[in-house]
Amino acid sequence: MKKAKISWLSLGLVLAGTAPALAIDRVSPSRAQTAYIHSVAESDFSAKKDEYMRDAKREMDEWGDKMHRAGDQVGKDVDQAWNNTKAAAQRLQSASADQWDHAKHGFENAMQGLKDRWHKIHPEDE
């Protein structure tokens, strides 16, 4: 009986001694887990960026056609807004995950500025 009690006592101490180590492993991810999480986050960002960029490119192509058709009749104000929008699109394209929100906001503001200036001289055009 003493042997059984000692065995169970020893097993209990061994398990109790490993519990904190197991808890720490669960709380602090390993480097491999951290790298995987970072990789998934980058992959998710890349997918979202690619999707947004496809839409932005389509919109830029439409505006490029519109500006080409209008030729010299767009005026200096619209031409400047178009140049600002093209520059913002370039910054958006090259933005990293850390820069993305700022670049996206800048592109959207530039695009809205272009639309506003265009509608001043072409109120009939949507």
N, C-alpha and C. Protein backbone atom coordinates (compact mmCIF):
# COMPACT_ATOMS: atom_id res chain seq x y z
N MET A 1 0.81 -1.18 0.00
CA MET A 1 0.00 0.00 0.00
C MET A 1 0.86 1.26 0.00
N LYS A 2 1.97 1.22 0.77
CA LYS A 2 2.84 2.38 0.80
C LYS A 2 3.44 2.65 -0.57
N LYS A 3 3.78 1.57 -1.30
CA LYS A 3 4.35 1.74 -2.63
C LYS A 3 3.37 2.44 -3.55
N ALA A 4 2.11 2.06 -3.49
CA ALA A 4 1.09 2.65 -4.35
C ALA A 4 0.90 4.13 -4.01
N LYS A 5 0.91 4.46 -2.71
CA LYS A 5 0.75 5.84 -2.30
C LYS A 5 1.95 6.67 -2.77
N ILE A 6 3.13 6.12 -2.65
CA ILE A 6 4.33 6.83 -3.08
C ILE A 6 4.31 7.02 -4.60
N SER A 7 3.88 6.01 -5.35
CA SER A 7 3.81 6.12 -6.80
C SER A 7 2.83 7.21 -7.23
N TRP A 8 1.66 7.19 -6.62
CA TRP A 8 0.66 8.20 -6.96
C TRP A 8 1.13 9.59 -6.54
N LEU A 9 1.78 9.68 -5.41
CA LEU A 9 2.31 10.94 -4.94
C LEU A 9 3.40 11.44 -5.89
N SER A 10 4.26 10.55 -6.32
CA SER A 10 5.33 10.92 -7.25
C SER A 10 4.74 11.37 -8.58
N LEU A 11 3.76 10.62 -9.08
CA LEU A 11 3.12 10.98 -10.34
C LEU A 11 2.44 12.34 -10.23
N GLY A 12 1.80 12.59 -9.11
CA GLY A 12 1.14 13.88 -8.90
C GLY A 12 2.13 15.03 -8.90
N LEU A 13 3.27 14.83 -8.26
CA LEU A 13 4.28 15.88 -8.23
C LEU A 13 4.88 16.12 -9.61
N VAL A 14 5.10 15.06 -10.35
CA VAL A 14 5.64 15.18 -11.70
C VAL A 14 4.67 15.95 -12.58
N LEU A 15 3.41 15.57 -12.54
CA LEU A 15 2.40 16.27 -13.35
C LEU A 15 2.22 17.72 -12.91
N ALA A 16 2.23 17.94 -11.62
CA ALA A 16 2.10 19.31 -11.12
C ALA A 16 3.28 20.16 -11.57
N GLY A 17 4.45 19.55 -11.63
CA GLY A 17 5.64 20.28 -12.06
C GLY A 17 5.62 20.63 -13.54
N THR A 18 4.93 19.84 -14.35
CA THR A 18 4.89 20.12 -15.79
C THR A 18 3.74 21.03 -16.17
N ALA A 19 2.75 21.16 -15.32
CA ALA A 19 1.58 21.98 -15.66
C ALA A 19 1.95 23.43 -15.96
N PRO A 20 2.78 24.08 -15.14
CA PRO A 20 3.13 25.47 -15.48
C PRO A 20 3.85 25.57 -16.83
N ALA A 21 4.68 24.60 -17.15
CA ALA A 21 5.39 24.63 -18.43
C ALA A 21 4.41 24.49 -19.58
N LEU A 22 3.42 23.62 -19.41
CA LEU A 22 2.41 23.47 -20.46
C LEU A 22 1.59 24.74 -20.61
N ALA A 23 1.27 25.38 -19.51
CA ALA A 23 0.49 26.62 -19.56
C ALA A 23 1.29 27.72 -20.26
N ILE A 24 2.57 27.80 -19.99
CA ILE A 24 3.41 28.82 -20.62
C ILE A 24 3.46 28.61 -22.12
N ASP A 25 3.58 27.34 -22.55
CA ASP A 25 3.62 27.08 -23.98
C ASP A 25 2.34 27.52 -24.66
N ARG A 26 1.22 27.36 -23.98
CA ARG A 26 -0.04 27.77 -24.58
C ARG A 26 -0.16 29.29 -24.65
N VAL A 27 0.39 29.98 -23.69
CA VAL A 27 0.29 31.43 -23.63
C VAL A 27 1.26 32.10 -24.59
N SER A 28 2.49 31.66 -24.63
CA SER A 28 3.47 32.30 -25.49
C SER A 28 3.76 31.40 -26.69
N PRO A 29 3.33 31.82 -27.88
CA PRO A 29 3.52 30.98 -29.07
C PRO A 29 5.00 30.85 -29.43
N SER A 30 5.31 29.73 -30.03
CA SER A 30 6.68 29.51 -30.46
C SER A 30 7.00 30.41 -31.65
N ARG A 31 8.25 30.47 -32.01
CA ARG A 31 8.65 31.28 -33.16
C ARG A 31 7.98 30.79 -34.43
N ALA A 32 7.85 29.47 -34.56
CA ALA A 32 7.21 28.91 -35.75
C ALA A 32 5.75 29.34 -35.81
N GLN A 33 5.06 29.30 -34.65
CA GLN A 33 3.66 29.72 -34.62
C GLN A 33 3.54 31.21 -34.94
N THR A 34 4.42 32.00 -34.37
CA THR A 34 4.41 33.44 -34.63
C THR A 34 4.67 33.72 -36.10
N ALA A 35 5.62 33.01 -36.69
CA ALA A 35 5.91 33.19 -38.11
C ALA A 35 4.72 32.80 -38.96
N TYR A 36 4.04 31.72 -38.57
CA TYR A 36 2.86 31.28 -39.31
C TYR A 36 1.75 32.32 -39.22
N ILE A 37 1.50 32.84 -38.02
CA ILE A 37 0.48 33.87 -37.84
C ILE A 37 0.82 35.10 -38.66
N HIS A 38 2.08 35.51 -38.64
CA HIS A 38 2.53 36.66 -39.42
C HIS A 38 2.35 36.39 -40.91
N SER A 39 2.67 35.17 -41.34
CA SER A 39 2.53 34.79 -42.74
C SER A 39 1.06 34.83 -43.16
N VAL A 40 0.18 34.35 -42.32
CA VAL A 40 -1.26 34.38 -42.63
C VAL A 40 -1.74 35.82 -42.70
N ALA A 41 -1.29 36.66 -41.79
CA ALA A 41 -1.69 38.06 -41.81
C ALA A 41 -1.20 38.74 -43.08
N GLU A 42 0.03 38.47 -43.48
CA GLU A 42 0.56 39.05 -44.72
C GLU A 42 -0.21 38.53 -45.92
N SER A 43 -0.53 37.26 -45.92
CA SER A 43 -1.27 36.66 -47.03
C SER A 43 -2.66 37.28 -47.11
N ASP A 44 -3.30 37.47 -45.96
CA ASP A 44 -4.62 38.10 -45.91
C ASP A 44 -4.53 39.53 -46.42
N PHE A 45 -3.50 40.27 -45.99
CA PHE A 45 -3.31 41.63 -46.46
C PHE A 45 -3.09 41.66 -47.97
N SER A 46 -2.26 40.76 -48.46
CA SER A 46 -1.98 40.70 -49.89
C SER A 46 -3.24 40.44 -50.70
N ALA A 47 -4.07 39.54 -50.22
CA ALA A 47 -5.31 39.23 -50.93
C ALA A 47 -6.24 40.44 -50.94
N LYS A 48 -6.37 41.10 -49.80
CA LYS A 48 -7.24 42.29 -49.73
C LYS A 48 -6.68 43.42 -50.58
N LYS A 49 -5.37 43.59 -50.55
CA LYS A 49 -4.74 44.64 -51.35
C LYS A 49 -4.94 44.35 -52.84
N ASP A 50 -4.73 43.11 -53.25
CA ASP A 50 -4.92 42.75 -54.66
C ASP A 50 -6.34 43.03 -55.12
N GLU A 51 -7.30 42.66 -54.29
CA GLU A 51 -8.70 42.90 -54.64
C GLU A 51 -8.99 44.39 -54.76
N TYR A 52 -8.52 45.17 -53.80
CA TYR A 52 -8.74 46.61 -53.84
C TYR A 52 -8.05 47.23 -55.04
N MET A 53 -6.83 46.77 -55.32
CA MET A 53 -6.07 47.32 -56.44
C MET A 53 -6.73 47.01 -57.79
N ARG A 54 -7.35 45.85 -57.91
CA ARG A 54 -8.08 45.54 -59.16
C ARG A 54 -9.20 46.55 -59.38
N ASP A 55 -9.94 46.84 -58.31
CA ASP A 55 -11.03 47.82 -58.41
C ASP A 55 -10.48 49.22 -58.68
N ALA A 56 -9.39 49.57 -58.01
CA ALA A 56 -8.79 50.90 -58.21
C ALA A 56 -8.25 51.04 -59.63
N LYS A 57 -7.65 49.99 -60.16
CA LYS A 57 -7.12 50.04 -61.53
C LYS A 57 -8.26 50.19 -62.53
N ARG A 58 -9.34 49.46 -62.31
CA ARG A 58 -10.50 49.59 -63.20
C ARG A 58 -11.02 51.03 -63.19
N GLU A 59 -11.13 51.60 -62.00
CA GLU A 59 -11.61 52.97 -61.88
C GLU A 59 -10.63 53.96 -62.52
N MET A 60 -9.34 53.73 -62.33
CA MET A 60 -8.33 54.60 -62.94
C MET A 60 -8.37 54.49 -64.47
N ASP A 61 -8.57 53.29 -64.99
CA ASP A 61 -8.68 53.11 -66.44
C ASP A 61 -9.89 53.85 -67.00
N GLU A 62 -11.01 53.78 -66.29
CA GLU A 62 -12.21 54.50 -66.72
C GLU A 62 -11.96 56.01 -66.73
N TRP A 63 -11.31 56.51 -65.70
CA TRP A 63 -11.00 57.94 -65.65
C TRP A 63 -9.97 58.32 -66.69
N GLY A 64 -9.01 57.44 -66.95
CA GLY A 64 -8.03 57.72 -68.00
C GLY A 64 -8.70 57.87 -69.35
N ASP A 65 -9.66 56.99 -69.63
CA ASP A 65 -10.42 57.09 -70.89
C ASP A 65 -11.23 58.38 -70.93
N LYS A 66 -11.85 58.71 -69.82
CA LYS A 66 -12.65 59.93 -69.74
C LYS A 66 -11.78 61.16 -69.96
N MET A 67 -10.61 61.18 -69.34
CA MET A 67 -9.70 62.32 -69.49
C MET A 67 -9.18 62.40 -70.92
N HIS A 68 -8.92 61.27 -71.53
CA HIS A 68 -8.43 61.24 -72.91
C HIS A 68 -9.50 61.78 -73.86
N ARG A 69 -10.74 61.35 -73.67
CA ARG A 69 -11.83 61.83 -74.53
C ARG A 69 -12.04 63.34 -74.38
N ALA A 70 -11.88 63.84 -73.16
CA ALA A 70 -12.10 65.28 -72.92
C ALA A 70 -10.96 66.11 -73.49
N GLY A 71 -9.77 65.54 -73.58
CA GLY A 71 -8.62 66.24 -74.16
C GLY A 71 -8.28 67.50 -73.40
N ASP A 72 -8.05 68.57 -74.15
CA ASP A 72 -7.63 69.84 -73.55
C ASP A 72 -8.78 70.60 -72.90
N GLN A 73 -9.98 70.08 -73.02
CA GLN A 73 -11.15 70.79 -72.50
C GLN A 73 -11.40 70.53 -71.01
N VAL A 74 -10.56 69.75 -70.35
CA VAL A 74 -10.81 69.43 -68.95
C VAL A 74 -10.48 70.58 -68.01
N GLY A 75 -9.59 71.42 -68.38
CA GLY A 75 -9.21 72.54 -67.53
C GLY A 75 -8.08 72.18 -66.59
N LYS A 76 -7.43 73.23 -66.14
CA LYS A 76 -6.25 73.06 -65.29
C LYS A 76 -6.60 72.41 -63.95
N ASP A 77 -7.73 72.77 -63.37
CA ASP A 77 -8.14 72.26 -62.08
C ASP A 77 -8.35 70.73 -62.12
N VAL A 78 -9.04 70.26 -63.16
CA VAL A 78 -9.30 68.83 -63.32
C VAL A 78 -8.00 68.10 -63.65
N ASP A 79 -7.19 68.71 -64.49
CA ASP A 79 -5.91 68.10 -64.87
C ASP A 79 -5.02 67.91 -63.64
N GLN A 80 -4.99 68.90 -62.76
CA GLN A 80 -4.20 68.80 -61.53
C GLN A 80 -4.76 67.70 -60.62
N ALA A 81 -6.08 67.62 -60.52
CA ALA A 81 -6.72 66.58 -59.70
C ALA A 81 -6.41 65.19 -60.27
N TRP A 82 -6.38 65.08 -61.60
CA TRP A 82 -6.04 63.80 -62.24
C TRP A 82 -4.60 63.41 -61.92
N ASN A 83 -3.68 64.36 -62.00
CA ASN A 83 -2.28 64.09 -61.67
C ASN A 83 -2.13 63.67 -60.20
N ASN A 84 -2.87 64.33 -59.31
CA ASN A 84 -2.84 63.97 -57.89
C ASN A 84 -3.37 62.54 -57.67
N THR A 85 -4.41 62.20 -58.41
CA THR A 85 -5.01 60.86 -58.28
C THR A 85 -4.06 59.79 -58.81
N LYS A 86 -3.38 60.06 -59.91
CA LYS A 86 -2.41 59.10 -60.44
C LYS A 86 -1.26 58.89 -59.45
N ALA A 87 -0.80 59.96 -58.83
CA ALA A 87 0.28 59.85 -57.85
C ALA A 87 -0.19 59.07 -56.62
N ALA A 88 -1.42 59.31 -56.19
CA ALA A 88 -1.97 58.58 -55.04
C ALA A 88 -2.13 57.10 -55.37
N ALA A 89 -2.49 56.79 -56.61
CA ALA A 89 -2.62 55.39 -57.03
C ALA A 89 -1.27 54.70 -57.01
N GLN A 90 -0.21 55.41 -57.39
CA GLN A 90 1.14 54.83 -57.33
C GLN A 90 1.55 54.56 -55.89
N ARG A 91 1.25 55.49 -55.00
CA ARG A 91 1.58 55.28 -53.58
C ARG A 91 0.79 54.10 -53.01
N LEU A 92 -0.44 53.97 -53.45
CA LEU A 92 -1.28 52.86 -53.01
C LEU A 92 -0.69 51.54 -53.47
N GLN A 93 -0.28 51.49 -54.72
CA GLN A 93 0.28 50.26 -55.29
C GLN A 93 1.53 49.81 -54.53
N SER A 94 2.35 50.73 -54.11
CA SER A 94 3.61 50.37 -53.46
C SER A 94 3.52 50.33 -51.94
N ALA A 95 2.34 50.56 -51.38
CA ALA A 95 2.18 50.61 -49.93
C ALA A 95 2.35 49.24 -49.29
N SER A 96 3.06 49.24 -48.18
CA SER A 96 3.19 48.02 -47.37
C SER A 96 1.97 47.94 -46.45
N ALA A 97 1.88 46.87 -45.70
CA ALA A 97 0.76 46.70 -44.77
C ALA A 97 0.70 47.85 -43.77
N ASP A 98 1.86 48.29 -43.31
CA ASP A 98 1.91 49.40 -42.35
C ASP A 98 1.48 50.72 -42.96
N GLN A 99 1.68 50.90 -44.24
CA GLN A 99 1.36 52.15 -44.92
C GLN A 99 -0.02 52.14 -45.57
N TRP A 100 -0.65 50.97 -45.62
CA TRP A 100 -1.85 50.76 -46.42
C TRP A 100 -2.99 51.72 -46.07
N ASP A 101 -3.35 51.83 -44.81
CA ASP A 101 -4.49 52.67 -44.44
C ASP A 101 -4.27 54.11 -44.86
N HIS A 102 -3.08 54.62 -44.65
CA HIS A 102 -2.77 56.00 -45.02
C HIS A 102 -2.83 56.17 -46.55
N ALA A 103 -2.24 55.23 -47.28
CA ALA A 103 -2.23 55.32 -48.74
C ALA A 103 -3.63 55.16 -49.32
N LYS A 104 -4.41 54.27 -48.74
CA LYS A 104 -5.79 54.05 -49.21
C LYS A 104 -6.63 55.31 -48.98
N HIS A 105 -6.49 55.89 -47.82
CA HIS A 105 -7.21 57.13 -47.50
C HIS A 105 -6.80 58.25 -48.47
N GLY A 106 -5.50 58.35 -48.74
CA GLY A 106 -5.01 59.36 -49.68
C GLY A 106 -5.55 59.16 -51.08
N PHE A 107 -5.61 57.90 -51.53
CA PHE A 107 -6.15 57.60 -52.86
C PHE A 107 -7.64 57.95 -52.93
N GLU A 108 -8.38 57.54 -51.92
CA GLU A 108 -9.82 57.82 -51.91
C GLU A 108 -10.11 59.32 -51.88
N ASN A 109 -9.32 60.06 -51.13
CA ASN A 109 -9.48 61.52 -51.11
C ASN A 109 -9.15 62.14 -52.46
N ALA A 110 -8.06 61.67 -53.07
CA ALA A 110 -7.67 62.19 -54.38
C ALA A 110 -8.74 61.86 -55.43
N MET A 111 -9.27 60.65 -55.38
CA MET A 111 -10.31 60.25 -56.34
C MET A 111 -11.56 61.09 -56.14
N GLN A 112 -11.94 61.33 -54.91
CA GLN A 112 -13.12 62.16 -54.65
C GLN A 112 -12.88 63.60 -55.12
N GLY A 113 -11.67 64.11 -54.93
CA GLY A 113 -11.34 65.45 -55.41
C GLY A 113 -11.45 65.54 -56.93
N LEU A 114 -11.00 64.50 -57.62
CA LEU A 114 -11.12 64.45 -59.08
C LEU A 114 -12.59 64.45 -59.49
N LYS A 115 -13.38 63.62 -58.85
CA LYS A 115 -14.81 63.54 -59.17
C LYS A 115 -15.50 64.89 -58.94
N ASP A 116 -15.19 65.52 -57.81
CA ASP A 116 -15.80 66.81 -57.48
C ASP A 116 -15.45 67.86 -58.53
N ARG A 117 -14.18 67.92 -58.93
CA ARG A 117 -13.76 68.92 -59.93
C ARG A 117 -14.36 68.62 -61.30
N TRP A 118 -14.44 67.34 -61.64
CA TRP A 118 -15.03 66.95 -62.92
C TRP A 118 -16.50 67.37 -62.98
N HIS A 119 -17.23 67.11 -61.90
CA HIS A 119 -18.67 67.41 -61.89
C HIS A 119 -18.95 68.90 -61.88
N LYS A 120 -17.99 69.71 -61.50
CA LYS A 120 -18.18 71.16 -61.59
C LYS A 120 -18.29 71.60 -63.03
N ILE A 121 -17.50 70.95 -63.91
CA ILE A 121 -17.55 71.35 -65.32
C ILE A 121 -18.42 70.40 -66.17
N HIS A 122 -18.77 69.26 -65.64
CA HIS A 122 -19.65 68.30 -66.33
C HIS A 122 -20.72 67.79 -65.36
N PRO A 123 -21.65 68.65 -64.97
CA PRO A 123 -22.64 68.24 -63.97
C PRO A 123 -23.57 67.11 -64.46
N GLU A 124 -23.67 66.96 -65.76
CA GLU A 124 -24.53 65.93 -66.32
C GLU A 124 -23.91 64.54 -66.27
N ASP A 125 -22.60 64.49 -66.08
CA ASP A 125 -21.85 63.23 -66.11
C ASP A 125 -21.76 62.63 -64.72
N GLU A 126 -22.07 61.35 -64.63
CA GLU A 126 -21.93 60.67 -63.34
C GLU A 126 -20.61 60.04 -63.31
